[in-house]
Structures are given as C-alpha cells and as structure tokens.
Protein backbone atom coordinates (compact mmCIF):
# COMPACT_ATOMS: atom_id res chain seq x y z
CA MET A 1 103.49 89.63 119.46
CA ALA A 2 103.32 88.49 115.87
CA ARG A 3 106.00 86.94 113.72
CA ILE A 4 106.54 88.51 110.31
CA ASN A 5 109.34 87.58 107.93
CA GLY A 6 111.05 85.79 110.79
CA ASN A 7 110.97 88.82 113.11
CA ASP A 8 108.89 89.46 116.20
CA GLU A 9 106.76 92.55 115.70
CA THR A 10 104.59 94.49 118.16
CA LEU A 11 101.04 95.23 117.06
CA ASP A 12 99.29 98.57 117.30
CA LEU A 13 95.80 99.11 118.70
CA PHE A 14 94.28 97.91 115.41
CA GLY A 15 96.17 94.62 115.66
CA TRP A 16 98.57 95.48 112.83
CA PRO A 17 102.36 95.70 112.85
CA ASN A 18 103.59 98.92 114.44
CA SER A 19 106.98 98.99 112.73
CA ALA A 20 108.60 100.79 109.82
CA GLU A 21 110.07 97.48 108.68
CA THR A 22 106.72 96.47 107.15
CA TYR A 23 106.68 99.51 104.88
CA ARG A 24 108.38 100.39 101.63
CA THR A 25 110.82 103.16 102.47
CA ALA A 26 112.27 105.54 99.89
CA ILE A 27 115.26 107.77 100.61
CA LEU A 28 115.12 110.87 98.42
CA ILE A 29 118.34 112.79 97.77
CA PRO A 30 118.16 115.85 95.47
CA CYS A 31 121.64 116.71 94.19
CA HIS A 32 123.51 119.43 92.35
CA ASN A 33 127.28 119.04 92.08
CA GLU A 34 127.70 116.74 95.09
CA GLU A 35 130.36 114.45 93.64
CA VAL A 36 132.47 114.75 96.79
CA ALA A 37 129.80 113.81 99.34
CA ILE A 38 127.10 111.77 97.62
CA ALA A 39 128.79 108.35 97.87
CA LYS A 40 129.14 108.66 101.64
CA VAL A 41 125.55 109.83 102.03
CA ILE A 42 124.27 106.81 100.10
CA ALA A 43 126.52 104.39 101.98
CA ASP A 44 125.49 105.78 105.37
CA PHE A 45 121.77 105.53 104.69
CA ARG A 46 122.05 102.08 103.12
CA HIS A 47 123.88 100.94 106.25
CA GLU A 48 121.18 102.33 108.57
CA LEU A 49 118.22 101.26 106.40
CA PRO A 50 119.37 98.35 104.23
CA GLU A 51 115.83 97.56 103.02
CA ALA A 52 115.16 101.10 101.79
CA ALA A 53 115.46 102.19 98.17
CA VAL A 54 117.81 105.14 97.65
CA TYR A 55 116.88 107.61 94.90
CA VAL A 56 119.24 110.33 93.70
CA TYR A 57 117.81 112.97 91.36
CA ASP A 58 120.52 115.01 89.69
CA ASN A 59 119.78 118.65 88.96
CA ASN A 60 122.03 119.66 86.05
CA SER A 61 125.30 118.78 87.77
CA THR A 62 128.49 119.60 85.93
CA ASP A 63 130.63 117.11 87.86
CA ARG A 64 130.46 113.31 88.28
CA THR A 65 127.55 113.28 90.73
CA THR A 66 125.41 110.97 88.60
CA GLU A 67 128.18 108.46 87.95
CA VAL A 68 129.30 108.36 91.59
CA ALA A 69 125.72 107.94 92.86
CA ARG A 70 125.02 105.11 90.45
CA ASN A 71 128.25 103.32 91.39
CA ALA A 72 127.28 103.68 95.07
CA GLY A 73 124.08 101.72 94.47
CA ALA A 74 121.46 104.45 94.18
CA ILE A 75 118.64 104.63 91.66
CA VAL A 76 119.57 107.71 89.63
CA ALA A 77 117.32 110.02 87.63
CA SER A 78 117.46 113.68 86.61
CA GLU A 79 115.38 116.84 86.69
CA ARG A 80 116.24 119.58 84.16
CA LEU A 81 114.33 122.43 85.81
CA GLN A 82 116.87 124.10 88.06
CA GLY A 83 116.13 124.38 91.76
CA LYS A 84 115.61 122.11 94.75
CA GLY A 85 111.85 122.70 94.76
CA ASN A 86 111.58 121.46 91.18
CA VAL A 87 113.55 118.33 92.09
CA VAL A 88 111.45 117.57 95.17
CA ARG A 89 108.24 118.02 93.19
CA ARG A 90 109.48 115.56 90.56
CA MET A 91 110.57 113.02 93.18
CA PHE A 92 107.24 113.19 95.01
CA ALA A 93 105.44 112.63 91.70
CA ASP A 94 107.64 109.81 90.38
CA ILE A 95 108.42 107.65 93.41
CA ASP A 96 105.89 105.33 94.97
CA ALA A 97 106.51 104.23 98.56
CA ASP A 98 104.85 104.12 101.96
CA VAL A 99 107.42 106.23 103.83
CA TYR A 100 109.75 108.87 102.42
CA ILE A 101 112.98 110.27 103.84
CA LEU A 102 114.14 113.55 102.28
CA VAL A 103 117.76 114.52 102.90
CA ASP A 104 120.35 116.75 101.25
CA GLY A 105 123.24 115.15 99.40
CA ASP A 106 125.96 117.24 101.06
CA ASP A 107 126.60 114.89 104.02
CA THR A 108 125.63 117.49 106.62
CA TYR A 109 122.84 115.41 108.18
CA ASP A 110 123.29 112.35 110.40
CA ALA A 111 122.07 109.11 108.81
CA THR A 112 122.02 107.35 112.20
CA SER A 113 118.98 109.46 113.13
CA ALA A 114 116.87 108.01 110.30
CA PRO A 115 115.65 104.83 112.09
CA ALA A 116 114.65 106.84 115.17
CA MET A 117 112.83 109.40 112.99
CA LEU A 118 110.95 106.57 111.29
CA ASP A 119 110.00 105.09 114.65
CA LEU A 120 108.79 108.52 115.78
CA LEU A 121 106.67 108.85 112.64
CA PHE A 122 104.84 105.64 113.51
CA SER A 123 104.72 105.96 117.29
CA GLU A 124 103.29 109.49 117.05
CA GLY A 125 101.08 108.72 114.05
CA ALA A 126 102.67 111.73 112.39
CA ASP A 127 102.72 112.69 108.72
CA MET A 128 105.97 114.63 108.94
CA VAL A 129 108.96 114.36 111.26
CA THR A 130 111.51 117.18 111.01
CA GLY A 131 115.13 116.70 111.98
CA THR A 132 115.92 119.85 113.94
CA ARG A 133 119.58 120.75 113.59
CA VAL A 134 121.93 120.66 116.56
CA THR A 135 125.64 121.43 116.21
CA ASP A 136 128.64 122.82 118.05
CA ILE A 137 130.51 123.58 114.82
CA PRO A 138 130.23 127.32 113.99
CA ALA A 139 131.08 126.76 110.33
CA ALA A 140 128.32 124.18 109.92
CA TYR A 141 125.50 126.43 111.08
CA ARG A 142 126.70 130.00 110.77
CA ARG A 143 125.36 132.72 113.06
CA GLY A 144 123.70 134.55 110.17
CA HIS A 145 121.92 131.40 108.99
CA ARG A 146 120.90 130.60 112.57
CA LEU A 147 119.46 134.09 113.08
CA GLY A 148 117.68 134.05 109.72
CA ASN A 149 116.18 130.64 110.43
CA PHE A 150 115.00 131.81 113.86
CA LEU A 151 113.37 134.96 112.47
CA LEU A 152 111.67 133.23 109.55
CA THR A 153 110.55 130.29 111.69
CA SER A 154 109.19 132.65 114.35
CA LEU A 155 107.30 134.64 111.70
CA ALA A 156 105.74 131.51 110.19
CA ALA A 157 104.98 130.03 113.62
CA GLY A 158 103.31 133.24 114.79
CA ILE A 159 100.99 133.29 111.77
CA PHE A 160 100.40 129.61 110.98
CA GLY A 161 100.89 127.94 114.36
CA LYS A 162 103.65 127.42 116.92
CA ARG A 163 104.36 123.78 116.17
CA ILE A 164 107.77 124.12 114.52
CA THR A 165 111.26 125.08 115.67
CA ASP A 166 113.39 124.55 112.53
CA MET A 167 111.36 125.40 109.45
CA LEU A 168 114.34 125.34 107.07
CA SER A 169 115.70 121.89 107.92
CA GLY A 170 116.35 119.72 104.86
CA TYR A 171 116.06 116.44 106.78
CA ARG A 172 112.50 115.13 107.01
CA VAL A 173 110.46 111.94 107.07
CA PHE A 174 107.04 111.90 105.40
CA SER A 175 104.09 109.58 105.19
CA ARG A 176 102.68 108.66 101.81
CA ARG A 177 99.56 110.62 102.72
CA PHE A 178 101.64 113.82 103.00
CA VAL A 179 103.69 113.32 99.84
CA LYS A 180 100.81 112.49 97.55
CA SER A 181 98.61 115.34 98.79
CA PHE A 182 101.31 118.04 98.73
CA PRO A 183 100.82 120.58 95.90
CA ALA A 184 104.48 121.55 95.48
CA LEU A 185 104.77 124.95 93.81
CA SER A 186 108.17 126.26 94.93
CA SER A 187 111.18 126.03 92.65
CA GLY A 188 114.17 126.62 94.95
CA PHE A 189 115.29 126.35 98.57
CA GLU A 190 111.99 127.82 99.73
CA ILE A 191 110.52 124.32 99.34
CA GLU A 192 111.15 123.64 103.06
CA THR A 193 108.98 126.63 103.95
CA GLU A 194 106.20 125.38 101.70
CA LEU A 195 106.41 121.87 103.17
CA THR A 196 106.08 123.21 106.71
CA ILE A 197 103.25 125.66 106.08
CA HIS A 198 101.29 123.07 104.08
CA ALA A 199 101.46 120.69 107.04
CA LEU A 200 100.38 123.42 109.45
CA GLU A 201 97.49 124.54 107.28
CA VAL A 202 96.09 121.03 106.78
CA LYS A 203 96.44 120.42 110.55
CA MET A 204 98.58 117.33 110.05
CA PRO A 205 100.08 115.53 113.06
CA LEU A 206 103.73 116.61 113.23
CA ALA A 207 106.79 115.65 115.23
CA GLU A 208 110.36 116.84 115.59
CA MET A 209 113.59 115.17 116.64
CA LYS A 210 116.98 116.71 117.29
CA THR A 211 119.68 115.48 114.95
CA THR A 212 123.37 116.24 114.59
CA TYR A 213 124.26 118.77 111.92
CA ARG A 214 127.83 118.96 110.65
CA ASP A 215 129.94 121.00 108.28
CA ARG A 216 130.42 120.06 104.64
CA GLY A 217 133.38 117.90 103.75
CA GLU A 218 136.49 119.27 102.13
CA GLY A 219 135.91 120.15 98.49
CA SER A 220 132.13 120.47 98.89
CA THR A 221 130.61 123.95 98.47
CA SER A 222 127.23 125.28 99.55
CA LYS A 223 124.68 126.36 96.93
CA LEU A 224 122.76 128.45 99.47
CA SER A 225 122.91 132.23 99.11
CA THR A 226 122.20 133.70 102.54
CA TYR A 227 120.59 136.97 101.47
CA LYS A 228 119.13 135.97 98.11
CA ASP A 229 117.53 132.74 99.34
CA GLY A 230 116.50 134.40 102.60
CA ALA A 231 114.66 137.08 100.63
CA ARG A 232 113.01 134.42 98.47
CA ILE A 233 111.87 132.52 101.56
CA LEU A 234 110.46 135.72 103.05
CA LEU A 235 108.57 136.43 99.82
CA VAL A 236 107.19 132.87 99.89
CA ILE A 237 105.94 133.42 103.43
CA VAL A 238 104.26 136.69 102.41
CA ASN A 239 102.71 134.99 99.37
CA LEU A 240 101.45 132.12 101.52
CA ILE A 241 99.98 134.62 103.98
CA LYS A 242 98.13 136.19 101.03
CA GLN A 243 96.84 132.78 99.97
CA GLU A 244 96.14 131.19 103.35
CA ARG A 245 95.48 134.22 105.59
CA PRO A 246 94.09 136.86 103.19
CA LEU A 247 91.84 138.47 105.80
CA LEU A 248 94.83 139.13 108.06
CA LEU A 249 96.88 140.66 105.24
CA PHE A 250 94.11 142.84 103.82
CA PHE A 251 92.92 143.87 107.28
CA ILE A 252 96.41 145.18 108.06
CA LEU A 253 96.48 146.99 104.72
CA SER A 254 93.00 148.38 105.37
CA ALA A 255 93.99 149.58 108.84
CA VAL A 256 97.11 151.32 107.53
CA LEU A 257 95.12 153.11 104.83
CA PHE A 258 92.42 154.06 107.35
CA VAL A 259 94.98 155.59 109.70
CA VAL A 260 96.60 157.56 106.86
CA ALA A 261 93.21 158.88 105.74
CA VAL A 262 92.30 159.92 109.28
CA VAL A 263 95.65 161.64 109.89
CA LEU A 264 95.29 163.65 106.67
CA GLY A 265 91.59 164.29 107.10
CA VAL A 266 91.21 165.35 110.74
CA PRO A 267 92.83 168.80 110.25
CA LEU A 268 90.55 169.42 107.29
CA MET A 269 87.47 168.45 109.29
CA VAL A 270 88.49 170.69 112.21
CA GLU A 271 89.01 173.63 109.88
CA PHE A 272 85.75 172.94 108.06
CA ARG A 273 83.87 172.95 111.37
CA HIS A 274 85.12 176.42 112.18
CA THR A 275 85.04 178.07 108.73
CA HIS A 276 82.68 175.84 106.72
CA LEU A 277 85.32 175.93 103.99
CA VAL A 278 87.61 173.31 102.46
CA PRO A 279 90.79 175.24 101.72
CA ARG A 280 92.86 172.20 100.63
CA LEU A 281 90.54 170.47 98.18
CA PRO A 282 93.19 168.12 96.68
CA THR A 283 94.01 166.83 100.17
CA ALA A 284 90.32 166.24 100.85
CA VAL A 285 89.95 164.28 97.61
CA LEU A 286 93.05 162.26 98.47
CA CYS A 287 91.65 161.43 101.94
CA ALA A 288 88.37 160.26 100.43
CA ALA A 289 90.19 158.07 97.90
CA ILE A 290 92.42 156.52 100.58
CA MET A 291 89.39 155.82 102.80
CA MET A 292 87.62 154.13 99.88
CA LEU A 293 90.70 151.99 99.27
CA SER A 294 90.70 151.07 102.96
CA PHE A 295 87.15 149.76 102.85
CA LEU A 296 87.78 148.09 99.49
CA SER A 297 90.79 146.24 100.98
CA LEU A 298 88.66 145.02 103.87
CA VAL A 299 85.96 143.75 101.50
CA CYS A 300 88.60 141.98 99.36
CA GLY A 301 89.98 140.33 102.49
CA LEU A 302 86.53 139.05 103.49
CA ILE A 303 85.87 137.63 100.02
CA LEU A 304 89.31 136.04 99.68
CA ASP A 305 88.99 134.57 103.17
CA SER A 306 85.94 132.61 102.00
CA VAL A 307 87.86 131.45 98.91
CA SER A 308 90.81 130.44 101.10
CA ARG A 309 88.54 128.42 103.36
CA GLY A 310 87.25 126.52 100.33
CA ARG A 311 90.83 125.78 99.23
CA LYS A 312 91.67 124.50 102.71
CA GLU A 313 88.68 122.18 102.62
CA ILE A 314 89.81 120.80 99.25
CA LYS A 315 93.35 120.26 100.57
CA ARG A 316 92.01 118.54 103.65
CA LEU A 317 89.76 116.26 101.58
CA ALA A 318 92.67 115.38 99.27
CA TYR A 319 94.73 114.56 102.36
CA LEU A 320 91.98 112.40 103.88
CA SER A 321 91.38 110.56 100.61
CA LEU A 322 94.68 108.75 101.12
CA PRO A 323 95.04 106.02 103.75
CA GLY A 324 96.88 106.90 106.92
CA HIS A 325 99.23 104.73 108.96
CA ALA A 326 96.58 102.69 110.74
CA TRP A 327 94.51 101.72 107.70
CA ASN A 328 97.36 101.35 105.24
CA PRO A 329 96.50 98.44 102.88
CA LEU A 330 100.02 97.07 103.33
CA ARG A 331 99.32 96.58 107.03
CA VAL A 332 96.07 94.80 106.22
CA ARG A 333 97.89 92.40 103.89
CA THR A 334 100.65 91.84 106.43
CA ASN A 335 98.15 91.12 109.18
CA ARG A 336 96.26 88.63 107.01
CA ASP A 337 99.45 86.87 106.00
CA THR A 338 100.40 86.61 109.64
C-alpha cells in the first residue's frame, strides 16, 4: 500500500497507483437543446466524480442550454458544425486529460455507473469501456430502436469482431491513448459506430458494463430519427467495410458478377457447342463484359486490401505512440513523489 494525497492506494504490478483518482478525468457532454436536463446531468456527475472537470459543448442550441450548463458549474464551449460527430471530434481535439467520459446531455444514462466504469477501465487495462443499456421502461428504449441496434451491432460484430453488444451506446469511458489516436470523421449520430469499429480494427482492449438506461424527463425531446439515422449508420458501416475490409466487399461483388455472367453465358455455350453459331451476339458481348468486370473487381479488392493493411499499420503505430495506462507519465511522477 502507498499513501498518496492522504489516501491509501493499491499499486499495480509496475508498482504504480492502480486507481482512477490519480488521473485527470474529463466528462464530455455534447448538447443540443438540453436546457431541461443538462443541469441534473452535470450535478449527478459532479457528485459521483467531484475531482473531474465537466465540459459541455453546445451545438447551436436555441434554448438556454449554455446558460444553464455554465450556472451548474460546467466548462462551456461551442461547436458550430451541426451534428454529434462534429462535437465529439472538437472535444477530443480541444480537451487534454488522462481519462475521458463521454455521455449524452439528456439524462438518460446513470451517473452512478461512472466510478465503476472507470475502475473497470483500469482493472482490465482497457482503452474503451462501453455502458451497455439495460432498462425495463419501454418508452426509454423502444422496440424499434432495440431491434435496429441489435441488427446493426450484429452486422458490425460479424464483420469486425464479436466483442461488442451495444454498438450505439452513448455512454463510454476512454483512455487518452484512444482519444488522441482516433481519426473522427463522422458528423452525426453515427459517431458511436465509428468509435466502436475503430477500436475493433486497432485491436484495442475493450470492456463493457451494464448500466441503467431511463426515459427522458418531461419537456425533453429526442433528436434521433429512427429511420434516417439508422440508414446513415448502415451507410457508415458499408463505407467502413469498403475502407477496412475491401477484399471482402469486392470479392462479394466479383462473385455476384461472375454468377450473372455464367447464368447468361451457359445457354449460349451449350447452343454454340451444338450449332457452332452465336445467335444472340449482344448477350454474348454482355456476358464477356460482366465477366471482365468480375475479374476487375477481384483485382481491385486485392490491391485495396494491401492499401487497407498499410492504413491499419499506421493507425496501430499512432495508437502505440501514446503511453498506455501502465507507463503513463503521471503514474511515474506520482510514484516518485510517494
């Protein structure tokens, strides 16, 4: 045991404090018209993590969100580009901390889970802990949203790895290594998908913890469009498959084209064998063109797969260039002071 700032702390296998209390923690709350709920969200998280800094980034709100957040004790800034992804990208770029907690400002997530999620981040040596949503309130997590989340999560897990159960959760804890190596490109609610797939592709250590999910308070309205945002998330997944798994995508395309060419071409070949004539010349030309496209798609997939591998190596090197939990300089200083 070591004594730091008057508290007894356990040490990890490197002899350094194994506690979130020795780290600078930032609570990130992206907001758009959350005047009704934001004060309670800030108060709840300040109660659970009194040493953490609370940052609220307003995204073109037309109500008193900024004023209420500032009066509640948060550090308030703004992002003019509309969309949650734009806000998260700005927060990750602006804010310097050792541990980050990302949560929505609608008071649907349980602040009492934050300390346990932080402990899990350190005990598991993880770079991202996702708060998987659990609720008995139908209005909080509607059946359509639940089904859409299951389908999209299953699709992503089947392609990128079965290490996730709630890909669309907005409640997460990150290490500094994750935040500062994450190339955020999304602009809207598809940011959660990008966060998850980035972690899976870089092979980061991940963890999940069940957390209570509740309905919005009276007067608070959701900004999520079930079908529109669901379609955008699906398009993001397809785009990420193209970028991260190009061989899979182009192989499927090549196989489909090959099958079409064979189906159209076999009758022509059978007839040619018997008559030595090609009675449907346009169909024959079409079959040849489709077959060429099939092989061209396969070659494109092979080339892009090599490019994708190089991008993964660069992402991995960027990730490894930042110190992890064990060798964090703050721990070294703390240990020396002790």
